Structure formats: C-alpha cells, structure tokens
Amino acid sequence: MIETLETRRLNLIQEVIDVCHEWIDKFCGAYSCYHDRNQSFNCGSILLGALTKQLYNMDISWTTAEPFSGLSLEELENGVKSMRMPTWHVKYPRPPPTAEEEKQKKEEFEKRQAARPSYNREPYKKPAPEPPFYIYLQHVCSLDPVVRDVQSVIKKAQGLELKDFVDRAETATDTTPRQG
C-alpha cells in the first residue's frame, strides 16, 4: 500500500512539473497573447519570468527529479495556486474624438457664441488636431491557465488525502530493529 501511494505521489508530482515546463516552453516559443496579439512578446516574457521565478522559489527546476524529497502534492498545489502575478500597463494611443463628441463640442461653442454680443461672434472652426495622447491600460493576462492545468492533474488524486502524499523521509520513524 505504501509503495502504491509513493508511486502515485511521484507520478502526480512529475505530471504537475511537466505541466509547468510545458507552459515554460509555450512562453518561450511562439506564444500568442489572448487579449492583444500585439503584446504577445511582452506578455509571454512577463509570464515566463513570473512562472520561472516562482517555480524556482518552490525549489522546482529543470533538474528536479524523483524522489522529490520533502515535497508533497498538497504543497505543490498550494504553491502553484498562490503564484503572484506582476501588474503591467500597456500604452495605447487615445482614440480620436467620435462624431458625437465633435457634435457636442460644436454645440457648446455655439452656446458660448450666442451669449456674446453679435459684433463679437466668431464662426465655428473645427479645432486643430490634439497632440497624440496615450492611455495606459492594465494588461489582464495571468498565470490562471497554468493553475487550471495543474488543478486538472491534482484532480486525479481525488479520493486520497493530499496531505498523505508526503515523502516517506519526512514521516519515517527509526527503523532500527529492536532487540528484545
């Protein structure tokens, strides 16, 4: 029974690590941002850095191999679920005024002109184009797809207590035979 649990623990931990490494490969390769394809390079780079750094902090690397001493499936799941995401903003040009906004500006101008004496009125002139202004919007990509993929692996362990999937070295007792 213990060997079966240990084998299952090792296989599931390896699957979780494989999922994370697959995402690293995606971010390194031809990653396409879901929200703005023009930001694919920046987005993939930031997600790659966030994932790699946090896996490193959990002592998971390309060389991590069995028996995953001291690592439980529950700790690995909690570590992945609690991954933090940096926030970053993307600079977009402010769109030009809409026809409705132009109409509103003209109406406001005409109201101001009507309040002036007739000898001091000016014809409406379309305003000169404004200098290019930009807006900064927070980019919304995150590591949520990685977390979802990891959780789909973890679901395979249902019916078993995740806290029981701990390396035997942590729970082993003195195995020296007693003389009696």
Protein backbone atom coordinates (compact mmCIF):
# COMPACT_ATOMS: atom_id res chain seq x y z
CA MET A 1 0.00 0.00 0.00
CA ILE A 2 2.76 2.44 0.91
CA GLU A 3 4.63 1.69 -2.30
CA THR A 4 1.46 2.30 -4.30
CA LEU A 5 0.89 5.65 -2.60
CA GLU A 6 4.54 6.60 -3.09
CA THR A 7 4.43 5.68 -6.78
CA ARG A 8 1.21 7.65 -7.21
CA ARG A 9 2.71 10.64 -5.39
CA LEU A 10 5.81 10.57 -7.59
CA ASN A 11 3.77 10.28 -10.80
CA LEU A 12 1.40 13.12 -9.90
CA ILE A 13 4.19 15.45 -8.81
CA GLN A 14 6.04 14.68 -12.05
CA GLU A 15 2.87 15.44 -14.05
CA VAL A 16 2.48 18.81 -12.28
CA ILE A 17 6.11 19.66 -13.00
CA ASP A 18 5.67 18.56 -16.63
CA VAL A 19 2.62 20.84 -16.98
CA CYS A 20 4.63 23.80 -15.66
CA HIS A 21 7.51 23.02 -18.00
CA GLU A 22 5.10 22.78 -20.95
CA TRP A 23 3.92 26.30 -20.14
CA ILE A 24 7.52 27.50 -19.94
CA ASP A 25 8.03 26.06 -23.43
CA LYS A 26 4.89 27.86 -24.67
CA PHE A 27 6.02 31.19 -23.23
CA CYS A 28 9.50 30.72 -24.76
CA GLY A 29 8.09 29.78 -28.15
CA ALA A 30 5.50 31.36 -30.37
CA TYR A 31 3.19 32.45 -27.54
CA SER A 32 0.20 34.49 -28.67
CA CYS A 33 -1.42 36.78 -26.11
CA TYR A 34 -5.15 36.05 -25.75
CA HIS A 35 -6.08 39.70 -25.14
CA ASP A 36 -3.83 41.64 -27.51
CA ARG A 37 -1.74 39.85 -30.14
CA ASN A 38 0.45 42.95 -30.49
CA GLN A 39 1.57 42.35 -26.91
CA SER A 40 2.48 38.66 -27.37
CA PHE A 41 6.22 39.13 -26.90
CA ASN A 42 5.87 41.32 -23.80
CA CYS A 43 3.10 39.23 -22.32
CA GLY A 44 4.88 35.90 -22.90
CA SER A 45 8.12 37.29 -21.49
CA ILE A 46 6.47 38.56 -18.33
CA LEU A 47 4.50 35.34 -17.79
CA LEU A 48 7.66 33.28 -18.43
CA GLY A 49 9.56 35.29 -15.83
CA ALA A 50 6.76 35.10 -13.27
CA LEU A 51 6.33 31.34 -13.67
CA THR A 52 10.06 30.55 -13.72
CA LYS A 53 10.81 32.71 -10.69
CA GLN A 54 8.03 31.20 -8.61
CA LEU A 55 8.90 27.63 -9.56
CA TYR A 56 12.47 28.41 -8.55
CA ASN A 57 11.21 29.71 -5.18
CA MET A 58 9.39 26.37 -4.71
CA ASP A 59 12.68 24.54 -5.49
CA ILE A 60 11.28 23.25 -8.80
CA SER A 61 13.68 23.47 -11.72
CA TRP A 62 14.52 21.67 -14.93
CA THR A 63 16.68 19.28 -12.93
CA THR A 64 14.12 18.44 -10.26
CA ALA A 65 13.82 14.67 -10.24
CA GLU A 66 12.40 11.85 -8.19
CA PRO A 67 12.03 11.14 -5.33
CA PHE A 68 11.07 14.82 -4.78
CA SER A 69 12.29 14.60 -1.19
CA GLY A 70 10.22 16.61 1.24
CA LEU A 71 7.71 17.71 -1.41
CA SER A 72 4.05 16.88 -1.01
CA LEU A 73 1.44 17.14 -3.71
CA GLU A 74 -0.57 19.46 -1.48
CA GLU A 75 2.37 21.84 -1.02
CA LEU A 76 2.98 21.86 -4.75
CA GLU A 77 -0.69 22.58 -5.48
CA ASN A 78 -0.81 25.37 -2.88
CA GLY A 79 2.40 26.86 -4.26
CA VAL A 80 1.03 26.94 -7.80
CA LYS A 81 -2.38 28.29 -6.70
CA SER A 82 -0.72 31.11 -4.77
CA MET A 83 1.54 32.25 -7.61
CA ARG A 84 1.65 36.01 -7.79
CA MET A 85 1.37 37.99 -10.98
CA PRO A 86 3.15 41.23 -11.71
CA THR A 87 0.96 44.01 -12.96
CA TRP A 88 1.93 45.95 -16.03
CA HIS A 89 0.31 48.57 -18.19
CA VAL A 90 0.28 48.86 -21.94
CA LYS A 91 0.44 52.23 -23.71
CA TYR A 92 -2.29 52.73 -26.32
CA PRO A 93 -2.92 55.86 -28.38
CA ARG A 94 -6.02 57.70 -27.30
CA PRO A 95 -8.68 57.28 -29.96
CA PRO A 96 -9.72 60.39 -31.90
CA PRO A 97 -12.96 62.07 -30.86
CA THR A 98 -16.13 60.42 -32.12
CA ALA A 99 -18.67 62.21 -34.30
CA GLU A 100 -20.89 62.56 -31.25
CA GLU A 101 -18.09 64.21 -29.26
CA GLU A 102 -17.39 66.59 -32.18
CA LYS A 103 -21.09 67.50 -32.37
CA GLN A 104 -21.16 68.15 -28.61
CA LYS A 105 -18.09 70.46 -28.85
CA LYS A 106 -19.74 72.40 -31.68
CA GLU A 107 -22.98 72.81 -29.71
CA GLU A 108 -21.05 74.05 -26.65
CA PHE A 109 -19.19 76.54 -28.87
CA GLU A 110 -22.46 77.79 -30.38
CA LYS A 111 -23.96 78.28 -26.89
CA ARG A 112 -20.94 80.33 -25.84
CA GLN A 113 -21.20 82.39 -29.08
CA ALA A 114 -24.92 83.04 -28.54
CA ALA A 115 -24.09 84.56 -25.17
CA ARG A 116 -21.68 87.03 -26.79
CA PRO A 117 -22.73 90.32 -28.41
CA SER A 118 -23.38 89.93 -32.14
CA TYR A 119 -20.39 92.09 -33.15
CA ASN A 120 -18.02 89.81 -31.19
CA ARG A 121 -19.13 86.42 -32.55
CA GLU A 122 -16.81 84.08 -34.48
CA PRO A 123 -17.70 81.31 -36.91
CA TYR A 124 -17.13 77.78 -35.65
CA LYS A 125 -13.79 76.32 -36.65
CA LYS A 126 -13.01 72.70 -36.16
CA PRO A 127 -10.28 72.54 -33.51
CA ALA A 128 -6.78 71.66 -34.59
CA PRO A 129 -5.92 68.04 -34.02
CA GLU A 130 -4.80 67.43 -30.49
CA PRO A 131 -1.30 66.17 -29.93
CA PRO A 132 -1.19 62.41 -29.57
CA PHE A 133 -2.11 61.48 -26.07
CA TYR A 134 -1.93 57.99 -24.74
CA ILE A 135 -3.83 55.96 -22.26
CA TYR A 136 -2.31 53.21 -20.16
CA LEU A 137 -4.40 50.14 -19.57
CA GLN A 138 -3.53 47.33 -17.21
CA HIS A 139 -2.79 44.12 -19.10
CA VAL A 140 -5.06 41.33 -17.91
CA CYS A 141 -3.11 38.15 -18.73
CA SER A 142 -2.15 35.96 -15.79
CA LEU A 143 -0.94 32.50 -14.86
CA ASP A 144 -4.54 31.28 -14.42
CA PRO A 145 -4.27 28.82 -17.35
CA VAL A 146 -1.22 27.25 -15.70
CA VAL A 147 -3.10 26.93 -12.41
CA ARG A 148 -6.09 25.36 -14.19
CA ASP A 149 -3.86 22.79 -15.91
CA VAL A 150 -2.17 21.93 -12.61
CA GLN A 151 -5.53 21.55 -10.88
CA SER A 152 -6.67 19.13 -13.59
CA VAL A 153 -3.68 16.94 -12.70
CA ILE A 154 -4.40 17.26 -8.97
CA LYS A 155 -7.99 16.09 -9.54
CA LYS A 156 -6.55 12.70 -10.44
CA ALA A 157 -5.63 12.33 -6.77
CA GLN A 158 -9.24 12.70 -5.60
CA GLY A 159 -10.31 10.12 -3.09
CA LEU A 160 -6.92 10.31 -1.43
CA GLU A 161 -5.85 12.83 1.17
CA LEU A 162 -3.33 15.22 -0.36
CA LYS A 163 -1.61 15.64 2.99
CA ASP A 164 -0.86 11.89 2.95
CA PHE A 165 1.17 12.33 -0.25
CA VAL A 166 4.35 13.30 1.62
CA ASP A 167 7.80 11.92 1.04
CA ARG A 168 8.41 8.98 3.36
CA ALA A 169 11.61 10.58 4.58
CA GLU A 170 9.53 13.18 6.42
CA THR A 171 7.34 10.67 8.22
CA ALA A 172 9.73 7.79 8.66
CA THR A 173 10.48 6.67 12.17
CA ASP A 174 13.52 4.91 13.46
CA THR A 175 13.71 1.65 11.53
CA THR A 176 16.46 0.13 13.60
CA PRO A 177 15.29 -3.31 14.73
CA ARG A 178 14.59 -3.53 18.42
CA GLN A 179 16.29 -6.15 20.40
CA GLY A 180 14.04 -7.73 22.81
